[in-house]
Amino acid sequence: MNRPDTASLFNASGQRKYLCGSEGRRFLIAAERMDDESRTFCRLLAFTGCRISEGLALTPERIDTEAGRVVIRTLKRRKLSFRAVPVPPDLLSDLRRLAPGRRPDEPLWAWCRQTAWRRVRWAMTEAGIIGAQAMPKGLRHAFGIANAEQAVPISLTARWMGHARLDTTAIYQDAVGREERAFAQKLWRRQSSAIA
């Protein structure tokens, strides 16, 4: 078994494939200017780290208002698997508003994957996000990195992201984040004081 290395968060040209914090905030601001369905879908991807197909498969019966979470069917495994991911209360409310008139097992969005991709891409463009990270998977990677930056236990991040193995999740622990930058700044201060 090969452990994925941190290079998997970068493309062949060395561009990062994840949104940094400021890009994520701009993306959510841009999503606020979209119609209810599109905005809610964009927010679902950003706050859960789910894949496009997993988001499109969300049904009213998998919105767990009492527990404050959504239950996502993990699509990258051979056997049927679900994971529960906590979400902000306002996102739960938005999801509930999409549910009326749908059967409990009917998806909240009647879009194809390409339509969902285009809507996420629109928000990225409106937010001024360009490069390898300007795609739906950039939100998934950003979710993993944000978890690492906030010291969320790796086992919990793995569960929320639907990873079967911790070494898949470990790539986010190795990414350049706020903590790593803080260590580097201490080093820079020390080196600068040696020069002065």
N, C-alpha and C. Protein backbone atom coordinates (compact mmCIF):
# COMPACT_ATOMS: atom_id res chain seq x y z
N MET A 1 0.82 -1.18 0.00
CA MET A 1 0.00 0.00 0.00
C MET A 1 0.87 1.24 0.00
N ASN A 2 0.67 2.06 -0.97
CA ASN A 2 1.42 3.31 -1.05
C ASN A 2 0.67 4.41 -0.33
N ARG A 3 1.36 5.15 0.48
CA ARG A 3 0.76 6.29 1.17
C ARG A 3 0.77 7.47 0.22
N PRO A 4 -0.41 8.14 0.04
CA PRO A 4 -0.40 9.32 -0.81
C PRO A 4 0.52 10.37 -0.19
N ASP A 5 1.27 11.09 -1.01
CA ASP A 5 2.13 12.13 -0.45
C ASP A 5 1.48 13.49 -0.62
N THR A 6 2.09 14.49 -0.04
CA THR A 6 1.50 15.83 -0.07
C THR A 6 1.42 16.38 -1.49
N ALA A 7 2.18 15.83 -2.40
CA ALA A 7 2.13 16.30 -3.78
C ALA A 7 0.74 16.12 -4.38
N SER A 8 -0.07 15.23 -3.83
CA SER A 8 -1.41 15.03 -4.38
C SER A 8 -2.31 16.23 -4.13
N LEU A 9 -1.89 17.17 -3.28
CA LEU A 9 -2.65 18.41 -3.10
C LEU A 9 -2.20 19.48 -4.08
N PHE A 10 -1.28 19.11 -4.98
CA PHE A 10 -0.76 20.02 -5.99
C PHE A 10 -0.83 19.33 -7.34
N ASN A 11 -1.07 20.08 -8.40
CA ASN A 11 -1.12 19.47 -9.73
C ASN A 11 0.30 19.31 -10.28
N ALA A 12 0.40 18.85 -11.51
CA ALA A 12 1.71 18.59 -12.12
C ALA A 12 2.55 19.86 -12.28
N SER A 13 1.90 21.03 -12.28
CA SER A 13 2.61 22.31 -12.40
C SER A 13 2.94 22.91 -11.04
N GLY A 14 2.56 22.22 -9.96
CA GLY A 14 2.83 22.72 -8.62
C GLY A 14 1.78 23.67 -8.07
N GLN A 15 0.67 23.83 -8.78
CA GLN A 15 -0.42 24.67 -8.28
C GLN A 15 -1.23 23.89 -7.25
N ARG A 16 -1.64 24.57 -6.18
CA ARG A 16 -2.45 23.90 -5.17
C ARG A 16 -3.84 23.61 -5.72
N LYS A 17 -4.40 22.50 -5.27
CA LYS A 17 -5.72 22.06 -5.72
C LYS A 17 -6.79 22.31 -4.67
N TYR A 18 -6.49 23.14 -3.68
CA TYR A 18 -7.45 23.42 -2.61
C TYR A 18 -7.62 24.93 -2.47
N LEU A 19 -8.77 25.34 -1.99
CA LEU A 19 -9.01 26.75 -1.72
C LEU A 19 -8.40 27.10 -0.37
N CYS A 20 -7.73 28.24 -0.31
CA CYS A 20 -7.23 28.73 0.98
C CYS A 20 -8.41 29.45 1.67
N GLY A 21 -8.21 29.85 2.91
CA GLY A 21 -9.29 30.44 3.70
C GLY A 21 -9.97 31.62 3.06
N SER A 22 -9.21 32.57 2.52
CA SER A 22 -9.82 33.76 1.91
C SER A 22 -10.62 33.40 0.66
N GLU A 23 -10.14 32.43 -0.11
CA GLU A 23 -10.89 31.99 -1.29
C GLU A 23 -12.19 31.32 -0.88
N GLY A 24 -12.14 30.52 0.16
CA GLY A 24 -13.35 29.86 0.64
C GLY A 24 -14.40 30.87 1.08
N ARG A 25 -13.96 31.92 1.76
CA ARG A 25 -14.89 32.96 2.19
C ARG A 25 -15.49 33.69 0.98
N ARG A 26 -14.65 34.01 0.00
CA ARG A 26 -15.16 34.67 -1.21
C ARG A 26 -16.13 33.78 -1.96
N PHE A 27 -15.84 32.48 -1.99
CA PHE A 27 -16.74 31.53 -2.65
C PHE A 27 -18.12 31.56 -1.99
N LEU A 28 -18.16 31.53 -0.67
CA LEU A 28 -19.44 31.53 0.05
C LEU A 28 -20.18 32.85 -0.15
N ILE A 29 -19.45 33.95 -0.23
CA ILE A 29 -20.08 35.25 -0.49
C ILE A 29 -20.69 35.26 -1.89
N ALA A 30 -19.95 34.74 -2.87
CA ALA A 30 -20.47 34.66 -4.24
C ALA A 30 -21.69 33.75 -4.30
N ALA A 31 -21.67 32.66 -3.58
CA ALA A 31 -22.81 31.72 -3.56
C ALA A 31 -24.07 32.39 -3.02
N GLU A 32 -23.91 33.36 -2.13
CA GLU A 32 -25.07 34.07 -1.57
C GLU A 32 -25.85 34.82 -2.65
N ARG A 33 -25.21 35.13 -3.77
CA ARG A 33 -25.87 35.86 -4.87
C ARG A 33 -26.59 34.92 -5.83
N MET A 34 -26.56 33.62 -5.55
CA MET A 34 -27.17 32.64 -6.45
C MET A 34 -28.60 32.33 -6.00
N ASP A 35 -29.33 31.60 -6.84
CA ASP A 35 -30.67 31.16 -6.46
C ASP A 35 -30.57 30.19 -5.28
N ASP A 36 -31.68 29.95 -4.60
CA ASP A 36 -31.69 29.14 -3.37
C ASP A 36 -31.06 27.76 -3.56
N GLU A 37 -31.45 27.07 -4.64
CA GLU A 37 -30.93 25.71 -4.86
C GLU A 37 -29.42 25.71 -5.06
N SER A 38 -28.94 26.64 -5.89
CA SER A 38 -27.50 26.70 -6.19
C SER A 38 -26.70 27.10 -4.96
N ARG A 39 -27.19 28.12 -4.25
CA ARG A 39 -26.50 28.59 -3.04
C ARG A 39 -26.40 27.46 -2.02
N THR A 40 -27.50 26.76 -1.81
CA THR A 40 -27.52 25.69 -0.81
C THR A 40 -26.59 24.56 -1.21
N PHE A 41 -26.54 24.24 -2.50
CA PHE A 41 -25.65 23.18 -2.96
C PHE A 41 -24.18 23.57 -2.75
N CYS A 42 -23.85 24.80 -3.11
CA CYS A 42 -22.47 25.27 -2.92
C CYS A 42 -22.08 25.23 -1.44
N ARG A 43 -22.97 25.65 -0.58
CA ARG A 43 -22.69 25.65 0.86
C ARG A 43 -22.56 24.22 1.38
N LEU A 44 -23.38 23.30 0.86
CA LEU A 44 -23.28 21.90 1.28
C LEU A 44 -21.89 21.35 0.98
N LEU A 45 -21.39 21.61 -0.22
CA LEU A 45 -20.05 21.12 -0.59
C LEU A 45 -18.98 21.74 0.31
N ALA A 46 -19.10 23.04 0.57
CA ALA A 46 -18.09 23.73 1.37
C ALA A 46 -18.09 23.28 2.83
N PHE A 47 -19.27 23.04 3.41
CA PHE A 47 -19.35 22.71 4.83
C PHE A 47 -19.28 21.22 5.15
N THR A 48 -19.34 20.37 4.13
CA THR A 48 -19.26 18.92 4.40
C THR A 48 -18.08 18.25 3.72
N GLY A 49 -17.50 18.88 2.70
CA GLY A 49 -16.42 18.24 1.97
C GLY A 49 -16.91 17.08 1.12
N CYS A 50 -18.20 17.01 0.86
CA CYS A 50 -18.72 15.89 0.05
C CYS A 50 -18.40 16.11 -1.42
N ARG A 51 -18.42 15.04 -2.15
CA ARG A 51 -18.21 15.07 -3.60
C ARG A 51 -19.52 15.54 -4.26
N ILE A 52 -19.42 16.04 -5.49
CA ILE A 52 -20.62 16.51 -6.21
C ILE A 52 -21.69 15.42 -6.25
N SER A 53 -21.33 14.23 -6.64
CA SER A 53 -22.32 13.14 -6.76
C SER A 53 -22.95 12.81 -5.42
N GLU A 54 -22.16 12.90 -4.35
CA GLU A 54 -22.69 12.63 -3.01
C GLU A 54 -23.69 13.72 -2.61
N GLY A 55 -23.38 14.97 -2.93
CA GLY A 55 -24.30 16.07 -2.63
C GLY A 55 -25.59 15.93 -3.41
N LEU A 56 -25.47 15.57 -4.68
CA LEU A 56 -26.67 15.42 -5.52
C LEU A 56 -27.55 14.25 -5.05
N ALA A 57 -26.99 13.31 -4.33
CA ALA A 57 -27.75 12.15 -3.84
C ALA A 57 -28.44 12.42 -2.50
N LEU A 58 -28.23 13.60 -1.91
CA LEU A 58 -28.84 13.91 -0.61
C LEU A 58 -30.36 13.98 -0.74
N THR A 59 -31.05 13.33 0.18
CA THR A 59 -32.51 13.27 0.19
C THR A 59 -33.06 13.88 1.48
N PRO A 60 -34.34 14.25 1.50
CA PRO A 60 -34.93 14.80 2.73
C PRO A 60 -34.77 13.90 3.95
N GLU A 61 -34.86 12.59 3.75
CA GLU A 61 -34.77 11.68 4.90
C GLU A 61 -33.37 11.62 5.51
N ARG A 62 -32.39 12.17 4.82
CA ARG A 62 -31.02 12.17 5.34
C ARG A 62 -30.61 13.52 5.94
N ILE A 63 -31.58 14.38 6.15
CA ILE A 63 -31.34 15.64 6.84
C ILE A 63 -31.77 15.41 8.29
N ASP A 64 -30.81 15.31 9.17
CA ASP A 64 -31.07 15.00 10.58
C ASP A 64 -31.06 16.31 11.38
N THR A 65 -32.20 16.98 11.39
CA THR A 65 -32.31 18.29 12.05
C THR A 65 -32.04 18.19 13.54
N GLU A 66 -32.56 17.16 14.17
CA GLU A 66 -32.40 17.00 15.62
C GLU A 66 -30.92 16.90 16.03
N ALA A 67 -30.15 16.17 15.26
CA ALA A 67 -28.72 15.99 15.57
C ALA A 67 -27.84 17.06 14.91
N GLY A 68 -28.45 17.90 14.04
CA GLY A 68 -27.68 18.96 13.39
C GLY A 68 -26.69 18.46 12.37
N ARG A 69 -27.10 17.48 11.58
CA ARG A 69 -26.16 16.90 10.61
C ARG A 69 -26.91 16.40 9.37
N VAL A 70 -26.13 16.12 8.35
CA VAL A 70 -26.65 15.47 7.15
C VAL A 70 -25.98 14.10 7.07
N VAL A 71 -26.70 13.16 6.53
CA VAL A 71 -26.16 11.81 6.36
C VAL A 71 -25.90 11.61 4.87
N ILE A 72 -24.65 11.46 4.55
CA ILE A 72 -24.21 11.39 3.16
C ILE A 72 -23.87 9.95 2.79
N ARG A 73 -24.38 9.52 1.66
CA ARG A 73 -24.01 8.20 1.16
C ARG A 73 -22.63 8.32 0.52
N THR A 74 -21.68 7.55 1.03
CA THR A 74 -20.32 7.56 0.51
C THR A 74 -20.31 6.75 -0.78
N LEU A 75 -19.93 7.39 -1.86
CA LEU A 75 -20.01 6.73 -3.17
C LEU A 75 -18.71 6.09 -3.64
N LYS A 76 -17.62 6.28 -2.91
CA LYS A 76 -16.33 5.74 -3.35
C LYS A 76 -16.03 4.36 -2.76
N ARG A 77 -17.00 3.74 -2.12
CA ARG A 77 -16.77 2.42 -1.54
C ARG A 77 -17.63 1.38 -2.25
N ARG A 78 -17.16 0.16 -2.23
CA ARG A 78 -17.90 -0.91 -2.92
C ARG A 78 -19.18 -1.28 -2.20
N LYS A 79 -19.13 -1.30 -0.87
CA LYS A 79 -20.35 -1.64 -0.14
C LYS A 79 -21.07 -0.37 0.30
N LEU A 80 -22.36 -0.47 0.50
CA LEU A 80 -23.18 0.67 0.91
C LEU A 80 -22.66 1.23 2.22
N SER A 81 -22.39 2.53 2.22
CA SER A 81 -21.81 3.17 3.39
C SER A 81 -22.35 4.59 3.51
N PHE A 82 -22.64 4.99 4.74
CA PHE A 82 -23.13 6.34 5.01
C PHE A 82 -22.23 6.99 6.06
N ARG A 83 -22.19 8.32 6.03
CA ARG A 83 -21.46 9.06 7.05
C ARG A 83 -22.29 10.28 7.46
N ALA A 84 -22.25 10.60 8.73
CA ALA A 84 -22.97 11.76 9.24
C ALA A 84 -21.99 12.90 9.44
N VAL A 85 -22.34 14.06 8.90
CA VAL A 85 -21.46 15.22 8.99
C VAL A 85 -22.25 16.39 9.59
N PRO A 86 -21.77 16.97 10.69
CA PRO A 86 -22.46 18.12 11.27
C PRO A 86 -22.39 19.32 10.32
N VAL A 87 -23.48 20.10 10.30
CA VAL A 87 -23.52 21.30 9.46
C VAL A 87 -24.12 22.45 10.27
N PRO A 88 -23.84 23.69 9.85
CA PRO A 88 -24.40 24.84 10.57
C PRO A 88 -25.94 24.84 10.52
N PRO A 89 -26.57 25.37 11.56
CA PRO A 89 -28.04 25.40 11.61
C PRO A 89 -28.69 26.09 10.42
N ASP A 90 -28.08 27.19 9.92
CA ASP A 90 -28.69 27.88 8.78
C ASP A 90 -28.64 27.04 7.51
N LEU A 91 -27.62 26.20 7.36
CA LEU A 91 -27.57 25.29 6.21
C LEU A 91 -28.64 24.22 6.35
N LEU A 92 -28.83 23.71 7.56
CA LEU A 92 -29.91 22.74 7.79
C LEU A 92 -31.26 23.34 7.40
N SER A 93 -31.49 24.59 7.78
CA SER A 93 -32.75 25.27 7.44
C SER A 93 -32.91 25.39 5.93
N ASP A 94 -31.83 25.78 5.25
CA ASP A 94 -31.88 25.90 3.79
C ASP A 94 -32.19 24.56 3.14
N LEU A 95 -31.57 23.50 3.64
CA LEU A 95 -31.83 22.17 3.09
C LEU A 95 -33.28 21.77 3.31
N ARG A 96 -33.81 22.06 4.49
CA ARG A 96 -35.21 21.73 4.80
C ARG A 96 -36.16 22.49 3.88
N ARG A 97 -35.81 23.71 3.50
CA ARG A 97 -36.66 24.50 2.60
C ARG A 97 -36.73 23.89 1.20
N LEU A 98 -35.72 23.12 0.83
CA LEU A 98 -35.73 22.46 -0.49
C LEU A 98 -36.54 21.17 -0.48
N ALA A 99 -36.84 20.65 0.71
CA ALA A 99 -37.47 19.33 0.84
C ALA A 99 -38.98 19.27 0.54
N PRO A 100 -39.78 20.29 0.85
CA PRO A 100 -41.23 20.16 0.64
C PRO A 100 -41.59 19.76 -0.78
N GLY A 101 -42.56 18.87 -0.88
CA GLY A 101 -43.00 18.38 -2.18
C GLY A 101 -42.18 17.23 -2.72
N ARG A 102 -41.14 16.86 -2.01
CA ARG A 102 -40.30 15.72 -2.44
C ARG A 102 -40.60 14.52 -1.57
N ARG A 103 -40.50 13.35 -2.16
CA ARG A 103 -40.59 12.12 -1.38
C ARG A 103 -39.39 12.05 -0.45
N PRO A 104 -39.49 11.33 0.67
CA PRO A 104 -38.35 11.24 1.59
C PRO A 104 -37.08 10.71 0.95
N ASP A 105 -37.22 9.85 -0.08
CA ASP A 105 -36.04 9.26 -0.72
C ASP A 105 -35.69 9.91 -2.06
N GLU A 106 -36.32 11.05 -2.36
CA GLU A 106 -36.06 11.75 -3.61
C GLU A 106 -34.95 12.78 -3.42
N PRO A 107 -33.96 12.81 -4.30
CA PRO A 107 -32.87 13.78 -4.17
C PRO A 107 -33.38 15.23 -4.13
N LEU A 108 -32.70 16.07 -3.36
CA LEU A 108 -33.08 17.48 -3.24
C LEU A 108 -32.84 18.24 -4.53
N TRP A 109 -31.86 17.81 -5.31
CA TRP A 109 -31.54 18.47 -6.57
C TRP A 109 -31.81 17.51 -7.71
N ALA A 110 -32.50 17.99 -8.74
CA ALA A 110 -32.80 17.17 -9.91
C ALA A 110 -31.82 17.46 -11.04
N TRP A 111 -30.63 17.86 -10.68
CA TRP A 111 -29.62 18.22 -11.65
C TRP A 111 -28.75 17.03 -12.02
N CYS A 112 -28.14 17.13 -13.19
CA CYS A 112 -27.09 16.18 -13.55
C CYS A 112 -25.77 16.71 -12.96
N ARG A 113 -24.77 15.88 -12.97
CA ARG A 113 -23.45 16.26 -12.43
C ARG A 113 -22.88 17.51 -13.11
N GLN A 114 -23.06 17.59 -14.44
CA GLN A 114 -22.50 18.71 -15.19
C GLN A 114 -23.16 20.04 -14.78
N THR A 115 -24.46 20.02 -14.55
CA THR A 115 -25.16 21.23 -14.12
C THR A 115 -24.63 21.67 -12.76
N ALA A 116 -24.48 20.73 -11.84
CA ALA A 116 -23.96 21.05 -10.52
C ALA A 116 -22.54 21.62 -10.65
N TRP A 117 -21.72 21.00 -11.47
CA TRP A 117 -20.35 21.45 -11.67
C TRP A 117 -20.33 22.89 -12.19
N ARG A 118 -21.20 23.19 -13.18
CA ARG A 118 -21.26 24.54 -13.76
C ARG A 118 -21.67 25.57 -12.71
N ARG A 119 -22.59 25.22 -11.84
CA ARG A 119 -23.05 26.18 -10.83
C ARG A 119 -21.95 26.46 -9.80
N VAL A 120 -21.23 25.44 -9.42
CA VAL A 120 -20.11 25.65 -8.50
C VAL A 120 -19.04 26.48 -9.19
N ARG A 121 -18.78 26.17 -10.42
CA ARG A 121 -17.77 26.91 -11.19
C ARG A 121 -18.16 28.39 -11.34
N TRP A 122 -19.47 28.67 -11.50
CA TRP A 122 -19.93 30.05 -11.60
C TRP A 122 -19.55 30.81 -10.33
N ALA A 123 -19.81 30.22 -9.17
CA ALA A 123 -19.48 30.87 -7.90
C ALA A 123 -17.97 31.08 -7.78
N MET A 124 -17.19 30.11 -8.24
CA MET A 124 -15.73 30.25 -8.21
C MET A 124 -15.30 31.45 -9.06
N THR A 125 -15.85 31.55 -10.26
CA THR A 125 -15.51 32.65 -11.16
C THR A 125 -15.92 33.99 -10.55
N GLU A 126 -17.13 34.05 -10.02
CA GLU A 126 -17.62 35.29 -9.39
C GLU A 126 -16.74 35.69 -8.20
N ALA A 127 -16.18 34.71 -7.53
CA ALA A 127 -15.32 34.97 -6.37
C ALA A 127 -13.88 35.32 -6.78
N GLY A 128 -13.61 35.27 -8.09
CA GLY A 128 -12.26 35.59 -8.57
C GLY A 128 -11.26 34.48 -8.30
N ILE A 129 -11.75 33.26 -8.17
CA ILE A 129 -10.86 32.12 -7.90
C ILE A 129 -10.49 31.49 -9.23
N ILE A 130 -9.21 31.46 -9.50
CA ILE A 130 -8.72 30.88 -10.76
C ILE A 130 -7.61 29.88 -10.42
N GLY A 131 -7.33 29.00 -11.35
CA GLY A 131 -6.26 28.03 -11.14
C GLY A 131 -6.81 26.65 -10.86
N ALA A 132 -5.92 25.77 -10.47
CA ALA A 132 -6.26 24.36 -10.26
C ALA A 132 -7.29 24.16 -9.14
N GLN A 133 -7.35 25.10 -8.22
CA GLN A 133 -8.27 24.97 -7.09
C GLN A 133 -9.69 25.40 -7.44
N ALA A 134 -9.90 26.03 -8.58
CA ALA A 134 -11.20 26.58 -8.96
C ALA A 134 -12.12 25.51 -9.52
N MET A 135 -12.38 24.51 -8.72
CA MET A 135 -13.28 23.42 -9.13
C MET A 135 -13.91 22.82 -7.88
N PRO A 136 -14.98 22.06 -8.02
CA PRO A 136 -15.64 21.49 -6.85
C PRO A 136 -14.72 20.69 -5.93
N LYS A 137 -13.78 19.96 -6.49
CA LYS A 137 -12.88 19.17 -5.65
C LYS A 137 -12.00 20.07 -4.78
N GLY A 138 -11.79 21.31 -5.21
CA GLY A 138 -11.05 22.28 -4.41
C GLY A 138 -11.73 22.54 -3.08
N LEU A 139 -13.07 22.47 -3.07
CA LEU A 139 -13.83 22.63 -1.83
C LEU A 139 -13.62 21.43 -0.91
N ARG A 140 -13.59 20.25 -1.48
CA ARG A 140 -13.35 19.04 -0.69
C ARG A 140 -11.98 19.08 -0.03
N HIS A 141 -10.97 19.43 -0.82
CA HIS A 141 -9.62 19.54 -0.27
C HIS A 141 -9.55 20.64 0.80
N ALA A 142 -10.23 21.76 0.54
CA ALA A 142 -10.24 22.87 1.52
C ALA A 142 -10.85 22.42 2.83
N PHE A 143 -11.89 21.60 2.76
CA PHE A 143 -12.53 21.07 3.96
C PHE A 143 -11.53 20.23 4.77
N GLY A 144 -10.80 19.37 4.09
CA GLY A 144 -9.80 18.53 4.76
C GLY A 144 -8.71 19.36 5.41
N ILE A 145 -8.25 20.38 4.70
CA ILE A 145 -7.19 21.23 5.24
C ILE A 145 -7.69 22.06 6.41
N ALA A 146 -8.92 22.58 6.30
CA ALA A 146 -9.49 23.37 7.40
C ALA A 146 -9.60 22.51 8.66
N ASN A 147 -9.97 21.25 8.50
CA ASN A 147 -10.03 20.33 9.64
C ASN A 147 -8.66 20.18 10.27
N ALA A 148 -7.62 20.02 9.45
CA ALA A 148 -6.26 19.88 9.97
C ALA A 148 -5.83 21.15 10.68
N GLU A 149 -6.13 22.32 10.10
CA GLU A 149 -5.74 23.59 10.71
C GLU A 149 -6.43 23.83 12.05
N GLN A 150 -7.64 23.31 12.19
CA GLN A 150 -8.38 23.49 13.44
C GLN A 150 -8.15 22.33 14.41
N ALA A 151 -7.19 21.48 14.11
CA ALA A 151 -6.80 20.34 14.96
C ALA A 151 -7.96 19.36 15.21
N VAL A 152 -8.83 19.20 14.22
CA VAL A 152 -9.87 18.17 14.30
C VAL A 152 -9.14 16.82 14.23
N PRO A 153 -9.46 15.90 15.12
CA PRO A 153 -8.77 14.60 15.09
C PRO A 153 -8.85 13.96 13.70
N ILE A 154 -7.76 13.38 13.28
CA ILE A 154 -7.68 12.80 11.94
C ILE A 154 -8.74 11.71 11.73
N SER A 155 -9.04 10.95 12.77
CA SER A 155 -10.05 9.90 12.63
C SER A 155 -11.43 10.49 12.36
N LEU A 156 -11.73 11.65 12.97
CA LEU A 156 -13.01 12.31 12.74
C LEU A 156 -13.06 12.90 11.33
N THR A 157 -11.97 13.52 10.91
CA THR A 157 -11.90 14.05 9.55
C THR A 157 -12.09 12.93 8.53
N ALA A 158 -11.44 11.80 8.76
CA ALA A 158 -11.58 10.65 7.86
C ALA A 158 -13.03 10.20 7.78
N ARG A 159 -13.69 10.15 8.92
CA ARG A 159 -15.10 9.73 8.94
C ARG A 159 -15.96 10.73 8.18
N TRP A 160 -15.78 12.04 8.44
CA TRP A 160 -16.57 13.05 7.77
C TRP A 160 -16.36 13.06 6.27
N MET A 161 -15.14 12.74 5.84
CA MET A 161 -14.83 12.77 4.41
C MET A 161 -15.12 11.43 3.72
N GLY A 162 -15.40 10.41 4.51
CA GLY A 162 -15.71 9.11 3.92
C GLY A 162 -14.49 8.33 3.48
N HIS A 163 -13.35 8.61 4.10
CA HIS A 163 -12.12 7.87 3.76
C HIS A 163 -12.11 6.54 4.49
N ALA A 164 -11.77 5.50 3.79
CA ALA A 164 -11.68 4.17 4.39
C ALA A 164 -10.36 4.01 5.16
N ARG A 165 -9.33 4.78 4.77
CA ARG A 165 -8.01 4.63 5.40
C ARG A 165 -7.51 5.98 5.89
N LEU A 166 -6.90 5.97 7.05
CA LEU A 166 -6.36 7.21 7.62
C LEU A 166 -5.23 7.80 6.79
N ASP A 167 -4.48 6.96 6.10
CA ASP A 167 -3.37 7.51 5.32
C ASP A 167 -3.87 8.36 4.15
N THR A 168 -5.11 8.15 3.72
CA THR A 168 -5.70 9.02 2.70
C THR A 168 -5.94 10.41 3.30
N THR A 169 -6.42 10.44 4.53
CA THR A 169 -6.71 11.70 5.23
C THR A 169 -5.42 12.42 5.64
N ALA A 170 -4.36 11.68 5.85
CA ALA A 170 -3.11 12.25 6.36
C ALA A 170 -2.51 13.29 5.43
N ILE A 171 -2.86 13.27 4.15
CA ILE A 171 -2.30 14.28 3.24
C ILE A 171 -2.68 15.68 3.70
N TYR A 172 -3.83 15.84 4.35
CA TYR A 172 -4.25 17.16 4.81
C TYR A 172 -3.45 17.61 6.03
N GLN A 173 -3.00 16.66 6.82
CA GLN A 173 -2.19 16.99 7.99
C GLN A 173 -0.83 17.54 7.57
N ASP A 174 -0.37 17.12 6.41
CA ASP A 174 0.95 17.54 5.93
C ASP A 174 0.92 18.83 5.12
N ALA A 175 -0.27 19.35 4.83
CA ALA A 175 -0.38 20.54 3.99
C ALA A 175 0.12 21.78 4.74
N VAL A 176 0.54 22.76 3.97
CA VAL A 176 0.95 24.03 4.56
C VAL A 176 -0.29 24.69 5.13
N GLY A 177 -0.26 24.98 6.39
CA GLY A 177 -1.39 25.62 7.04
C GLY A 177 -0.93 26.68 8.00
N ARG A 178 -1.88 27.20 8.77
CA ARG A 178 -1.57 28.28 9.71
C ARG A 178 -0.51 27.87 10.73
N GLU A 179 -0.61 26.64 11.25
CA GLU A 179 0.36 26.21 12.26
C GLU A 179 1.76 26.14 11.67
N GLU A 180 1.87 25.59 10.48
CA GLU A 180 3.18 25.49 9.84
C GLU A 180 3.74 26.89 9.57
N ARG A 181 2.88 27.79 9.13
CA ARG A 181 3.33 29.16 8.87
C ARG A 181 3.77 29.83 10.17
N ALA A 182 3.07 29.56 11.27
CA ALA A 182 3.45 30.13 12.57
C ALA A 182 4.85 29.65 12.97
N PHE A 183 5.14 28.37 12.75
CA PHE A 183 6.48 27.85 13.05
C PHE A 183 7.53 28.56 12.17
N ALA A 184 7.19 28.73 10.90
CA ALA A 184 8.12 29.38 9.98
C ALA A 184 8.36 30.83 10.40
N GLN A 185 7.32 31.53 10.86
CA GLN A 185 7.48 32.92 11.29
C GLN A 185 8.41 33.02 12.50
N LYS A 186 8.32 32.06 13.41
CA LYS A 186 9.24 32.05 14.56
C LYS A 186 10.67 31.90 14.07
N LEU A 187 10.87 31.02 13.08
CA LEU A 187 12.19 30.82 12.51
C LEU A 187 12.69 32.10 11.84
N TRP A 188 11.81 32.78 11.09
CA TRP A 188 12.20 34.01 10.41
C TRP A 188 12.60 35.09 11.42
N ARG A 189 11.83 35.20 12.52
CA ARG A 189 12.17 36.19 13.54
C ARG A 189 13.54 35.91 14.14
N ARG A 190 13.82 34.64 14.40
CA ARG A 190 15.11 34.27 14.97
C ARG A 190 16.23 34.60 14.01
N GLN A 191 16.03 34.27 12.73
CA GLN A 191 17.06 34.55 11.75
C GLN A 191 17.24 36.06 11.56
N SER A 192 16.14 36.81 11.58
CA SER A 192 16.23 38.26 11.43
C SER A 192 16.95 38.90 12.61
N SER A 193 16.71 38.39 13.83
CA SER A 193 17.38 38.95 15.00
C SER A 193 18.86 38.64 14.98
N ALA A 194 19.26 37.54 14.35
CA ALA A 194 20.68 37.20 14.25
C ALA A 194 21.40 38.16 13.31
N ILE A 195 20.69 38.65 12.32
CA ILE A 195 21.27 39.57 11.33
C ILE A 195 21.40 40.97 11.93
N ALA A 196 20.40 41.37 12.73
CA ALA A 196 20.37 42.74 13.27
C ALA A 196 21.42 43.01 14.31
